[in-house]
Amino acid sequence: MDQEINVLALVKGTERFVFLFDDESRSETLKMLARYASNPDLSFTWYDAAVLSQKIRQEPASMEVAARANADAKR
């Protein structure tokens, strides 16, 4: 299994919001954050969605840097 799964979690009091996604489902995960934020039955806010979406968007770049550093270390 070569496919990597990203994990993003938010803890708010007793509530836990955990998102698992791969690179192909990144955009769907961003949409899910918006659906959660617009749901009045959840304590998940638009601020929460903004912070987590920023982390989702940053992830590919940080993973690429880590992969390059790992490859350089093996040389």
Protein backbone atom coordinates (compact mmCIF):
# COMPACT_ATOMS: atom_id res chain seq x y z
CA MET A 1 0.00 0.00 0.00
CA ASP A 2 1.96 3.02 -1.27
CA GLN A 3 -0.82 5.57 -0.96
CA GLU A 4 -0.35 7.93 1.97
CA ILE A 5 -3.25 9.04 4.12
CA ASN A 6 -3.19 12.50 5.68
CA VAL A 7 -4.74 12.99 9.12
CA LEU A 8 -6.03 16.33 10.33
CA ALA A 9 -7.70 16.63 13.73
CA LEU A 10 -9.38 19.33 15.76
CA VAL A 11 -10.32 18.93 19.42
CA LYS A 12 -12.93 21.32 20.82
CA GLY A 13 -13.80 20.49 24.40
CA THR A 14 -15.29 17.02 24.35
CA GLU A 15 -15.75 17.01 20.57
CA ARG A 16 -13.25 15.52 18.12
CA PHE A 17 -13.20 16.32 14.41
CA VAL A 18 -10.87 13.99 12.52
CA PHE A 19 -10.38 14.14 8.76
CA LEU A 20 -8.58 11.42 6.81
CA PHE A 21 -7.78 12.14 3.19
CA ASP A 22 -5.38 11.27 0.42
CA ASP A 23 -3.99 13.67 -2.18
CA GLU A 24 -6.81 12.90 -4.63
CA SER A 25 -9.54 13.75 -2.11
CA ARG A 26 -8.00 17.02 -0.92
CA SER A 27 -10.63 19.21 -2.66
CA GLU A 28 -13.49 17.07 -1.35
CA THR A 29 -12.11 17.44 2.17
CA LEU A 30 -12.08 21.23 1.76
CA LYS A 31 -15.75 21.07 0.74
CA MET A 32 -16.48 18.92 3.79
CA LEU A 33 -14.98 21.60 6.05
CA ALA A 34 -17.41 24.13 4.55
CA ARG A 35 -20.36 21.78 5.08
CA TYR A 36 -19.37 21.27 8.70
CA ALA A 37 -18.98 25.03 9.26
CA SER A 38 -22.40 25.75 7.78
CA ASN A 39 -24.09 23.12 9.96
CA PRO A 40 -25.68 24.90 12.96
CA ASP A 41 -25.85 21.61 14.89
CA LEU A 42 -22.05 21.43 15.09
CA SER A 43 -19.69 23.61 17.10
CA PHE A 44 -17.36 23.58 14.07
CA THR A 45 -16.99 27.23 12.99
CA TRP A 46 -15.93 29.05 9.85
CA TYR A 47 -12.73 29.98 11.68
CA ASP A 48 -12.07 26.28 12.29
CA ALA A 49 -12.68 25.60 8.61
CA ALA A 50 -10.32 28.40 7.57
CA VAL A 51 -7.50 27.21 9.82
CA LEU A 52 -7.83 23.56 8.78
CA SER A 53 -8.19 24.40 5.08
CA GLN A 54 -4.96 26.37 5.27
CA LYS A 55 -3.23 23.30 6.73
CA ILE A 56 -4.68 21.10 3.98
CA ARG A 57 -3.40 23.46 1.31
CA GLN A 58 0.07 23.66 2.91
CA GLU A 59 0.45 19.91 3.27
CA PRO A 60 1.60 19.04 -0.30
CA ALA A 61 4.42 21.58 -0.17
CA SER A 62 5.65 20.44 3.24
CA MET A 63 5.47 16.79 2.20
CA GLU A 64 7.50 17.54 -0.92
CA VAL A 65 10.18 19.29 1.12
CA ALA A 66 10.32 16.38 3.56
CA ALA A 67 10.58 13.86 0.72
CA ARG A 68 13.46 15.80 -0.84
CA ALA A 69 15.26 16.05 2.50
CA ASN A 70 14.83 12.32 3.01
CA ALA A 71 16.16 11.57 -0.47
CA ASP A 72 19.16 13.86 0.11
CA ALA A 73 19.91 12.16 3.42
CA LYS A 74 20.05 8.76 1.69
CA ARG A 75 22.72 9.92 -0.76
